[in-house]
Amino acid sequence: MAQELRLRIYSAIVLAAIVLAATWIGGLAFRIVASVIGLLVYYEWSMITGLAEKSVRGNAWGWFSVVAVTATLLLTSGEMAVPLFAGLVLTAALPAIAGRWSWWQPGGIFYAGLSAISLSAIRGEDSLGFTAMLFVFAVVWGTDILAYFVGRALGGPKLAPKISPGKTWSGAIGGTVAGVAGGIAVALAYFQSVALWVPAVAFALSVSSQIGDLFESFIKRRFGVKDSGRIIPGHGGIMDRVDGLVFACFSAFLLAVGYSAVTGAGIDSLGGFLLGL
């Protein structure tokens, strides 16, 4: 086995162990992991897009914003994180509208801040949050793994050749099928039956995770970088590893917000919402 492949496997095992342990413990432990992901995502985003070079003040505001959001998640129960996050993003958008800051600035705050918030919201503080987080992991990891192997085995038309030449429609379809199956399997492991809502949500999260992968590929191609960073041995940066996961969590969070806005119904648990409970 090549040394680089062994390094990738060891790194993946360590990362999975940390994330799954934090998911099992929940509470502050998981919010710490979510906050670290948010901070590292902003760091890599700012490095890729050159935000520090474009505007020192803008980048300082970006760091202040992401630190403020993650601190709110860590030091409180998290209710104030969303309005604080929205206000910080909108404040960064005003100089971007005026042409003084790059639009990558509010974009970075949005991407990093929502990563931490959505992960924390799905896990929550109850047992449903634990199951829901495993549900999301199963969908995203199943999609990612099977998309790779099915795409290599079957080949065929490219999914987005100008963004990511290696991805195929066969891989995307195979990954989606695997993601939905993985999500259903997790739900059935905890409940006797599942409603049609569960595979529908799994489908939406699977597609979202693949969009997240393509989005990160677009950013790297736009700025001419191979990896988002070098923090993970053999894997590159944190954005390279969590691009699909955070987009799936974005979709889950925004789906719940949209449902609540349309129906007027409150959502006590995002995990329960995802599982149709």
C-alpha atoms as a PDB file:
ATOM      1  CA  MET A   1       0.000   0.000   0.000  1.00  0.00           C
ATOM      2  CA  ALA A   2       1.398   3.377  -1.009  1.00  0.00           C
ATOM      3  CA  GLN A   3       2.499   5.642   1.818  1.00  0.00           C
ATOM      4  CA  GLU A   4       0.100   8.433   0.769  1.00  0.00           C
ATOM      5  CA  LEU A   5      -2.856   6.019   0.752  1.00  0.00           C
ATOM      6  CA  ARG A   6      -1.943   4.732   4.218  1.00  0.00           C
ATOM      7  CA  LEU A   7      -1.718   8.325   5.441  1.00  0.00           C
ATOM      8  CA  ARG A   8      -5.156   9.080   4.033  1.00  0.00           C
ATOM      9  CA  ILE A   9      -6.648   6.007   5.708  1.00  0.00           C
ATOM     10  CA  TYR A  10      -5.089   6.791   9.093  1.00  0.00           C
ATOM     11  CA  SER A  11      -6.210  10.418   8.925  1.00  0.00           C
ATOM     12  CA  ALA A  12      -9.732   9.385   7.947  1.00  0.00           C
ATOM     13  CA  ILE A  13      -9.937   6.934  10.866  1.00  0.00           C
ATOM     14  CA  VAL A  14      -8.762   9.546  13.372  1.00  0.00           C
ATOM     15  CA  LEU A  15     -11.143  12.195  12.038  1.00  0.00           C
ATOM     16  CA  ALA A  16     -14.097   9.798  11.994  1.00  0.00           C
ATOM     17  CA  ALA A  17     -13.325   8.704  15.550  1.00  0.00           C
ATOM     18  CA  ILE A  18     -13.227  12.307  16.808  1.00  0.00           C
ATOM     19  CA  VAL A  19     -16.436  13.305  15.047  1.00  0.00           C
ATOM     20  CA  LEU A  20     -18.373  10.192  16.040  1.00  0.00           C
ATOM     21  CA  ALA A  21     -17.205  10.429  19.660  1.00  0.00           C
ATOM     22  CA  ALA A  22     -18.301  14.066  19.825  1.00  0.00           C
ATOM     23  CA  THR A  23     -21.608  13.122  18.206  1.00  0.00           C
ATOM     24  CA  TRP A  24     -22.157  10.428  20.830  1.00  0.00           C
ATOM     25  CA  ILE A  25     -21.306  12.779  23.714  1.00  0.00           C
ATOM     26  CA  GLY A  26     -23.240  15.698  22.246  1.00  0.00           C
ATOM     27  CA  GLY A  27     -23.658  18.985  24.089  1.00  0.00           C
ATOM     28  CA  LEU A  28     -20.564  21.131  24.446  1.00  0.00           C
ATOM     29  CA  ALA A  29     -18.273  18.470  22.978  1.00  0.00           C
ATOM     30  CA  PHE A  30     -20.115  18.474  19.658  1.00  0.00           C
ATOM     31  CA  ARG A  31     -20.492  22.256  19.618  1.00  0.00           C
ATOM     32  CA  ILE A  32     -16.710  22.522  20.025  1.00  0.00           C
ATOM     33  CA  VAL A  33     -16.194  20.293  16.976  1.00  0.00           C
ATOM     34  CA  ALA A  34     -18.773  22.290  14.983  1.00  0.00           C
ATOM     35  CA  SER A  35     -17.134  25.574  16.021  1.00  0.00           C
ATOM     36  CA  VAL A  36     -13.647  24.363  15.097  1.00  0.00           C
ATOM     37  CA  ILE A  37     -14.979  23.316  11.690  1.00  0.00           C
ATOM     38  CA  GLY A  38     -16.527  26.775  11.206  1.00  0.00           C
ATOM     39  CA  LEU A  39     -13.305  28.576  12.171  1.00  0.00           C
ATOM     40  CA  LEU A  40     -11.128  26.372   9.943  1.00  0.00           C
ATOM     41  CA  VAL A  41     -13.534  26.757   7.044  1.00  0.00           C
ATOM     42  CA  TYR A  42     -13.286  30.543   7.295  1.00  0.00           C
ATOM     43  CA  TYR A  43      -9.484  30.356   7.547  1.00  0.00           C
ATOM     44  CA  GLU A  44      -9.230  28.264   4.387  1.00  0.00           C
ATOM     45  CA  TRP A  45     -11.864  30.337   2.568  1.00  0.00           C
ATOM     46  CA  SER A  46      -9.973  33.557   3.363  1.00  0.00           C
ATOM     47  CA  MET A  47      -6.684  32.025   2.203  1.00  0.00           C
ATOM     48  CA  ILE A  48      -8.110  30.657  -1.052  1.00  0.00           C
ATOM     49  CA  THR A  49      -9.928  33.871  -1.969  1.00  0.00           C
ATOM     50  CA  GLY A  50      -7.172  36.196  -0.721  1.00  0.00           C
ATOM     51  CA  LEU A  51      -9.481  38.194   1.536  1.00  0.00           C
ATOM     52  CA  ALA A  52      -6.627  39.548   3.668  1.00  0.00           C
ATOM     53  CA  GLU A  53      -5.024  41.029   0.550  1.00  0.00           C
ATOM     54  CA  LYS A  54      -8.297  42.445  -0.763  1.00  0.00           C
ATOM     55  CA  SER A  55      -9.286  44.213   2.464  1.00  0.00           C
ATOM     56  CA  VAL A  56      -7.608  44.045   5.860  1.00  0.00           C
ATOM     57  CA  ARG A  57     -10.689  45.556   7.524  1.00  0.00           C
ATOM     58  CA  GLY A  58     -13.014  43.215   5.692  1.00  0.00           C
ATOM     59  CA  ASN A  59     -11.032  40.156   6.706  1.00  0.00           C
ATOM     60  CA  ALA A  60     -10.837  41.401  10.304  1.00  0.00           C
ATOM     61  CA  TRP A  61     -14.641  41.743  10.289  1.00  0.00           C
ATOM     62  CA  GLY A  62     -14.887  38.244   8.877  1.00  0.00           C
ATOM     63  CA  TRP A  63     -12.809  36.804  11.703  1.00  0.00           C
ATOM     64  CA  PHE A  64     -14.736  38.800  14.290  1.00  0.00           C
ATOM     65  CA  SER A  65     -18.019  37.543  12.848  1.00  0.00           C
ATOM     66  CA  VAL A  66     -17.114  33.863  12.787  1.00  0.00           C
ATOM     67  CA  VAL A  67     -15.519  34.001  16.241  1.00  0.00           C
ATOM     68  CA  ALA A  68     -18.609  35.791  17.603  1.00  0.00           C
ATOM     69  CA  VAL A  69     -20.953  33.165  16.147  1.00  0.00           C
ATOM     70  CA  THR A  70     -18.908  30.213  17.406  1.00  0.00           C
ATOM     71  CA  ALA A  71     -18.468  31.834  20.836  1.00  0.00           C
ATOM     72  CA  THR A  72     -22.240  32.244  21.044  1.00  0.00           C
ATOM     73  CA  LEU A  73     -22.687  28.565  20.248  1.00  0.00           C
ATOM     74  CA  LEU A  74     -20.169  27.580  22.909  1.00  0.00           C
ATOM     75  CA  LEU A  75     -21.165  29.945  25.697  1.00  0.00           C
ATOM     76  CA  THR A  76     -24.954  29.894  25.346  1.00  0.00           C
ATOM     77  CA  SER A  77     -27.636  27.423  24.328  1.00  0.00           C
ATOM     78  CA  GLY A  78     -27.401  28.809  20.807  1.00  0.00           C
ATOM     79  CA  GLU A  79     -30.701  30.657  20.356  1.00  0.00           C
ATOM     80  CA  MET A  80     -28.942  33.969  19.699  1.00  0.00           C
ATOM     81  CA  ALA A  81     -26.501  32.516  17.170  1.00  0.00           C
ATOM     82  CA  VAL A  82     -28.881  32.756  14.197  1.00  0.00           C
ATOM     83  CA  PRO A  83     -29.961  36.435  14.566  1.00  0.00           C
ATOM     84  CA  LEU A  84     -26.369  37.397  15.394  1.00  0.00           C
ATOM     85  CA  PHE A  85     -25.138  35.494  12.322  1.00  0.00           C
ATOM     86  CA  ALA A  86     -27.727  37.155  10.071  1.00  0.00           C
ATOM     87  CA  GLY A  87     -26.806  40.618  11.316  1.00  0.00           C
ATOM     88  CA  LEU A  88     -23.079  40.034  10.814  1.00  0.00           C
ATOM     89  CA  VAL A  89     -23.558  38.738   7.265  1.00  0.00           C
ATOM     90  CA  LEU A  90     -25.816  41.669   6.339  1.00  0.00           C
ATOM     91  CA  THR A  91     -23.335  44.137   7.833  1.00  0.00           C
ATOM     92  CA  ALA A  92     -20.563  42.649   5.683  1.00  0.00           C
ATOM     93  CA  ALA A  93     -22.832  42.802   2.621  1.00  0.00           C
ATOM     94  CA  LEU A  94     -23.218  46.587   2.833  1.00  0.00           C
ATOM     95  CA  PRO A  95     -19.547  47.400   1.996  1.00  0.00           C
ATOM     96  CA  ALA A  96     -19.704  44.716  -0.702  1.00  0.00           C
ATOM     97  CA  ILE A  97     -22.706  46.460  -2.267  1.00  0.00           C
ATOM     98  CA  ALA A  98     -20.791  49.729  -2.132  1.00  0.00           C
ATOM     99  CA  GLY A  99     -17.835  48.080  -3.879  1.00  0.00           C
ATOM    100  CA  ARG A 100     -15.400  48.507  -0.978  1.00  0.00           C
ATOM    101  CA  TRP A 101     -15.254  44.818  -0.064  1.00  0.00           C
ATOM    102  CA  SER A 102     -15.274  41.710  -2.200  1.00  0.00           C
ATOM    103  CA  TRP A 103     -18.474  39.655  -2.240  1.00  0.00           C
ATOM    104  CA  TRP A 104     -16.289  36.761  -1.164  1.00  0.00           C
ATOM    105  CA  GLN A 105     -16.215  38.470   2.250  1.00  0.00           C
ATOM    106  CA  PRO A 106     -19.886  38.095   3.258  1.00  0.00           C
ATOM    107  CA  GLY A 107     -19.848  34.796   1.387  1.00  0.00           C
ATOM    108  CA  GLY A 108     -17.106  33.486   3.659  1.00  0.00           C
ATOM    109  CA  ILE A 109     -18.925  34.582   6.811  1.00  0.00           C
ATOM    110  CA  PHE A 110     -22.115  32.937   5.553  1.00  0.00           C
ATOM    111  CA  TYR A 111     -20.385  29.682   4.576  1.00  0.00           C
ATOM    112  CA  ALA A 112     -18.325  29.318   7.762  1.00  0.00           C
ATOM    113  CA  GLY A 113     -20.943  30.603  10.193  1.00  0.00           C
ATOM    114  CA  LEU A 114     -23.764  28.488   8.806  1.00  0.00           C
ATOM    115  CA  SER A 115     -21.473  25.435   8.877  1.00  0.00           C
ATOM    116  CA  ALA A 116     -21.112  25.728  12.655  1.00  0.00           C
ATOM    117  CA  ILE A 117     -24.742  26.706  13.280  1.00  0.00           C
ATOM    118  CA  SER A 118     -26.367  23.999  11.149  1.00  0.00           C
ATOM    119  CA  LEU A 119     -24.172  21.213  12.516  1.00  0.00           C
ATOM    120  CA  SER A 120     -24.914  22.291  16.092  1.00  0.00           C
ATOM    121  CA  ALA A 121     -28.639  22.642  15.403  1.00  0.00           C
ATOM    122  CA  ILE A 122     -28.989  19.159  13.932  1.00  0.00           C
ATOM    123  CA  ARG A 123     -27.171  17.448  16.822  1.00  0.00           C
ATOM    124  CA  GLY A 124     -29.020  19.523  19.391  1.00  0.00           C
ATOM    125  CA  GLU A 125     -29.186  18.304  22.967  1.00  0.00           C
ATOM    126  CA  ASP A 126     -31.445  15.241  22.770  1.00  0.00           C
ATOM    127  CA  SER A 127     -31.285  11.643  21.565  1.00  0.00           C
ATOM    128  CA  LEU A 128     -33.169  12.523  18.396  1.00  0.00           C
ATOM    129  CA  GLY A 129     -30.321  14.840  17.511  1.00  0.00           C
ATOM    130  CA  PHE A 130     -27.844  11.974  17.828  1.00  0.00           C
ATOM    131  CA  THR A 131     -29.917   9.797  15.487  1.00  0.00           C
ATOM    132  CA  ALA A 132     -30.428  12.673  13.052  1.00  0.00           C
ATOM    133  CA  MET A 133     -26.700  13.377  12.936  1.00  0.00           C
ATOM    134  CA  LEU A 134     -25.986   9.719  12.185  1.00  0.00           C
ATOM    135  CA  PHE A 135     -28.691   9.934   9.509  1.00  0.00           C
ATOM    136  CA  VAL A 136     -26.906  12.892   7.897  1.00  0.00           C
ATOM    137  CA  PHE A 137     -23.519  11.158   8.120  1.00  0.00           C
ATOM    138  CA  ALA A 138     -24.926   8.013   6.491  1.00  0.00           C
ATOM    139  CA  VAL A 139     -26.451  10.012   3.638  1.00  0.00           C
ATOM    140  CA  VAL A 140     -23.347  12.132   2.985  1.00  0.00           C
ATOM    141  CA  TRP A 141     -20.742   9.393   3.411  1.00  0.00           C
ATOM    142  CA  GLY A 142     -22.802   6.883   1.440  1.00  0.00           C
ATOM    143  CA  THR A 143     -23.211   9.411  -1.358  1.00  0.00           C
ATOM    144  CA  ASP A 144     -19.530  10.311  -1.405  1.00  0.00           C
ATOM    145  CA  ILE A 145     -18.183   6.749  -1.352  1.00  0.00           C
ATOM    146  CA  LEU A 146     -20.563   5.184  -3.862  1.00  0.00           C
ATOM    147  CA  ALA A 147     -20.393   8.166  -6.220  1.00  0.00           C
ATOM    148  CA  TYR A 148     -16.640   7.600  -6.438  1.00  0.00           C
ATOM    149  CA  PHE A 149     -16.769   3.841  -7.013  1.00  0.00           C
ATOM    150  CA  VAL A 150     -19.818   3.786  -9.293  1.00  0.00           C
ATOM    151  CA  GLY A 151     -18.401   6.656 -11.344  1.00  0.00           C
ATOM    152  CA  ARG A 152     -15.086   4.845 -11.795  1.00  0.00           C
ATOM    153  CA  ALA A 153     -16.777   1.545 -12.617  1.00  0.00           C
ATOM    154  CA  LEU A 154     -19.402   2.801 -15.067  1.00  0.00           C
ATOM    155  CA  GLY A 155     -18.008   6.091 -16.362  1.00  0.00           C
ATOM    156  CA  GLY A 156     -20.230   7.802 -18.887  1.00  0.00           C
ATOM    157  CA  PRO A 157     -21.232  11.440 -19.425  1.00  0.00           C
ATOM    158  CA  LYS A 158     -19.569  14.009 -17.202  1.00  0.00           C
ATOM    159  CA  LEU A 159     -21.638  15.730 -14.540  1.00  0.00           C
ATOM    160  CA  ALA A 160     -19.904  19.129 -14.671  1.00  0.00           C
ATOM    161  CA  PRO A 161     -16.776  18.855 -16.850  1.00  0.00           C
ATOM    162  CA  LYS A 162     -15.806  22.518 -16.538  1.00  0.00           C
ATOM    163  CA  ILE A 163     -15.885  22.376 -12.736  1.00  0.00           C
ATOM    164  CA  SER A 164     -14.896  18.824 -11.819  1.00  0.00           C
ATOM    165  CA  PRO A 165     -13.914  16.691 -14.842  1.00  0.00           C
ATOM    166  CA  GLY A 166     -13.793  13.441 -12.867  1.00  0.00           C
ATOM    167  CA  LYS A 167     -17.443  13.387 -11.779  1.00  0.00           C
ATOM    168  CA  THR A 168     -20.005  11.530 -13.872  1.00  0.00           C
ATOM    169  CA  TRP A 169     -23.774  11.278 -13.980  1.00  0.00           C
ATOM    170  CA  SER A 170     -23.532   7.562 -13.221  1.00  0.00           C
ATOM    171  CA  GLY A 171     -21.553   8.347 -10.074  1.00  0.00           C
ATOM    172  CA  ALA A 172     -24.020  11.048  -9.049  1.00  0.00           C
ATOM    173  CA  ILE A 173     -27.007   8.721  -9.476  1.00  0.00           C
ATOM    174  CA  GLY A 174     -25.262   5.810  -7.763  1.00  0.00           C
ATOM    175  CA  GLY A 175     -24.208   8.055  -4.901  1.00  0.00           C
ATOM    176  CA  THR A 176     -27.737   9.379  -4.471  1.00  0.00           C
ATOM    177  CA  VAL A 177     -29.198   5.871  -4.346  1.00  0.00           C
ATOM    178  CA  ALA A 178     -26.590   4.868  -1.752  1.00  0.00           C
ATOM    179  CA  GLY A 179     -27.176   8.017   0.289  1.00  0.00           C
ATOM    180  CA  VAL A 180     -30.939   7.468   0.421  1.00  0.00           C
ATOM    181  CA  ALA A 181     -30.426   3.795   1.318  1.00  0.00           C
ATOM    182  CA  GLY A 182     -27.972   4.739   4.067  1.00  0.00           C
ATOM    183  CA  GLY A 183     -30.353   7.284   5.529  1.00  0.00           C
ATOM    184  CA  ILE A 184     -33.252   4.819   5.534  1.00  0.00           C
ATOM    185  CA  ALA A 185     -31.042   2.162   7.152  1.00  0.00           C
ATOM    186  CA  VAL A 186     -30.125   4.468  10.021  1.00  0.00           C
ATOM    187  CA  ALA A 187     -33.765   5.475  10.545  1.00  0.00           C
ATOM    188  CA  LEU A 188     -34.913   1.832  10.564  1.00  0.00           C
ATOM    189  CA  ALA A 189     -32.182   0.968  13.057  1.00  0.00           C
ATOM    190  CA  TYR A 190     -33.896   3.268  15.573  1.00  0.00           C
ATOM    191  CA  PHE A 191     -37.565   3.157  14.540  1.00  0.00           C
ATOM    192  CA  GLN A 192     -39.881   0.324  13.495  1.00  0.00           C
ATOM    193  CA  SER A 193     -40.995   2.159  10.358  1.00  0.00           C
ATOM    194  CA  VAL A 194     -40.307   5.387   8.524  1.00  0.00           C
ATOM    195  CA  ALA A 195     -42.585   7.732   6.614  1.00  0.00           C
ATOM    196  CA  LEU A 196     -41.993   8.780   3.003  1.00  0.00           C
ATOM    197  CA  TRP A 197     -40.628  11.998   4.474  1.00  0.00           C
ATOM    198  CA  VAL A 198     -37.374  10.246   5.462  1.00  0.00           C
ATOM    199  CA  PRO A 199     -36.273   9.069   1.973  1.00  0.00           C
ATOM    200  CA  ALA A 200     -37.401  12.429   0.565  1.00  0.00           C
ATOM    201  CA  VAL A 201     -35.170  14.278   3.025  1.00  0.00           C
ATOM    202  CA  ALA A 202     -32.332  11.815   2.398  1.00  0.00           C
ATOM    203  CA  PHE A 203     -32.651  12.474  -1.341  1.00  0.00           C
ATOM    204  CA  ALA A 204     -32.520  16.246  -0.796  1.00  0.00           C
ATOM    205  CA  LEU A 205     -29.475  15.972   1.474  1.00  0.00           C
ATOM    206  CA  SER A 206     -27.681  13.628  -0.930  1.00  0.00           C
ATOM    207  CA  VAL A 207     -28.169  15.993  -3.855  1.00  0.00           C
ATOM    208  CA  SER A 208     -27.132  18.924  -1.659  1.00  0.00           C
ATOM    209  CA  SER A 209     -23.941  17.172  -0.589  1.00  0.00           C
ATOM    210  CA  GLN A 210     -22.964  16.679  -4.237  1.00  0.00           C
ATOM    211  CA  ILE A 211     -23.720  20.327  -4.983  1.00  0.00           C
ATOM    212  CA  GLY A 212     -21.462  21.237  -2.060  1.00  0.00           C
ATOM    213  CA  ASP A 213     -18.674  19.133  -3.528  1.00  0.00           C
ATOM    214  CA  LEU A 214     -19.073  20.853  -6.894  1.00  0.00           C
ATOM    215  CA  PHE A 215     -19.222  24.279  -5.236  1.00  0.00           C
ATOM    216  CA  GLU A 216     -15.905  23.751  -3.512  1.00  0.00           C
ATOM    217  CA  SER A 217     -14.393  22.448  -6.757  1.00  0.00           C
ATOM    218  CA  PHE A 218     -15.617  25.619  -8.459  1.00  0.00           C
ATOM    219  CA  ILE A 219     -13.957  27.837  -5.837  1.00  0.00           C
ATOM    220  CA  LYS A 220     -10.642  25.989  -6.076  1.00  0.00           C
ATOM    221  CA  ARG A 221     -10.708  26.107  -9.868  1.00  0.00           C
ATOM    222  CA  ARG A 222     -11.692  29.799  -9.774  1.00  0.00           C
ATOM    223  CA  PHE A 223      -8.626  30.652  -7.663  1.00  0.00           C
ATOM    224  CA  GLY A 224      -6.271  28.053  -9.094  1.00  0.00           C
ATOM    225  CA  VAL A 225      -5.611  25.907  -6.020  1.00  0.00           C
ATOM    226  CA  LYS A 226      -5.477  22.116  -5.762  1.00  0.00           C
ATOM    227  CA  ASP A 227      -6.447  21.696  -2.108  1.00  0.00           C
ATOM    228  CA  SER A 228      -8.218  24.025   0.296  1.00  0.00           C
ATOM    229  CA  GLY A 229      -5.364  23.624   2.780  1.00  0.00           C
ATOM    230  CA  ARG A 230      -2.863  21.210   4.287  1.00  0.00           C
ATOM    231  CA  ILE A 231      -4.187  20.743   7.784  1.00  0.00           C
ATOM    232  CA  ILE A 232      -5.215  17.080   7.313  1.00  0.00           C
ATOM    233  CA  PRO A 233      -2.337  14.723   6.373  1.00  0.00           C
ATOM    234  CA  GLY A 234      -3.041  13.045   3.051  1.00  0.00           C
ATOM    235  CA  HIS A 235      -6.400  14.797   2.621  1.00  0.00           C
ATOM    236  CA  GLY A 236      -5.695  18.504   2.179  1.00  0.00           C
ATOM    237  CA  GLY A 237      -7.853  21.016   4.004  1.00  0.00           C
ATOM    238  CA  ILE A 238     -10.956  20.853   6.146  1.00  0.00           C
ATOM    239  CA  MET A 239     -13.102  22.233   3.307  1.00  0.00           C
ATOM    240  CA  ASP A 240     -11.982  19.322   1.151  1.00  0.00           C
ATOM    241  CA  ARG A 241     -13.416  16.929   3.743  1.00  0.00           C
ATOM    242  CA  VAL A 242     -16.616  18.666   4.850  1.00  0.00           C
ATOM    243  CA  ASP A 243     -17.854  20.361   1.668  1.00  0.00           C
ATOM    244  CA  GLY A 244     -20.643  17.825   1.116  1.00  0.00           C
ATOM    245  CA  LEU A 245     -21.458  17.538   4.816  1.00  0.00           C
ATOM    246  CA  VAL A 246     -21.907  21.246   5.430  1.00  0.00           C
ATOM    247  CA  PHE A 247     -24.040  21.708   2.308  1.00  0.00           C
ATOM    248  CA  ALA A 248     -26.271  18.844   3.443  1.00  0.00           C
ATOM    249  CA  CYS A 249     -26.551  20.481   6.865  1.00  0.00           C
ATOM    250  CA  PHE A 250     -27.262  23.846   5.200  1.00  0.00           C
ATOM    251  CA  SER A 251     -30.125  22.231   3.302  1.00  0.00           C
ATOM    252  CA  ALA A 252     -31.523  20.574   6.419  1.00  0.00           C
ATOM    253  CA  PHE A 253     -31.407  23.838   8.361  1.00  0.00           C
ATOM    254  CA  LEU A 254     -32.882  25.954   5.559  1.00  0.00           C
ATOM    255  CA  LEU A 255     -35.539  23.327   4.836  1.00  0.00           C
ATOM    256  CA  ALA A 256     -36.669  23.531   8.454  1.00  0.00           C
ATOM    257  CA  VAL A 257     -36.661  27.338   8.391  1.00  0.00           C
ATOM    258  CA  GLY A 258     -38.662  27.364   5.158  1.00  0.00           C
ATOM    259  CA  TYR A 259     -41.159  24.827   6.470  1.00  0.00           C
ATOM    260  CA  SER A 260     -41.655  26.845   9.634  1.00  0.00           C
ATOM    261  CA  ALA A 261     -42.095  30.086   7.674  1.00  0.00           C
ATOM    262  CA  VAL A 262     -44.660  28.587   5.270  1.00  0.00           C
ATOM    263  CA  THR A 263     -46.705  26.622   7.789  1.00  0.00           C
ATOM    264  CA  GLY A 264     -46.250  28.855  10.810  1.00  0.00           C
ATOM    265  CA  ALA A 265     -45.426  25.762  12.867  1.00  0.00           C
ATOM    266  CA  GLY A 266     -42.606  25.931  15.358  1.00  0.00           C
ATOM    267  CA  ILE A 267     -39.828  23.324  15.259  1.00  0.00           C
ATOM    268  CA  ASP A 268     -38.673  22.184  18.678  1.00  0.00           C
ATOM    269  CA  SER A 269     -36.005  19.796  17.382  1.00  0.00           C
ATOM    270  CA  LEU A 270     -34.263  19.956  14.007  1.00  0.00           C
ATOM    271  CA  GLY A 271     -33.302  16.317  14.451  1.00  0.00           C
ATOM    272  CA  GLY A 272     -36.940  15.356  14.965  1.00  0.00           C
ATOM    273  CA  PHE A 273     -37.926  17.403  11.913  1.00  0.00           C
ATOM    274  CA  LEU A 274     -35.433  15.553   9.700  1.00  0.00           C
ATOM    275  CA  LEU A 275     -36.684  12.189  10.910  1.00  0.00           C
ATOM    276  CA  GLY A 276     -40.339  13.156  10.422  1.00  0.00           C
ATOM    277  CA  LEU A 277     -41.106  13.133  14.153  1.00  0.00           C
END
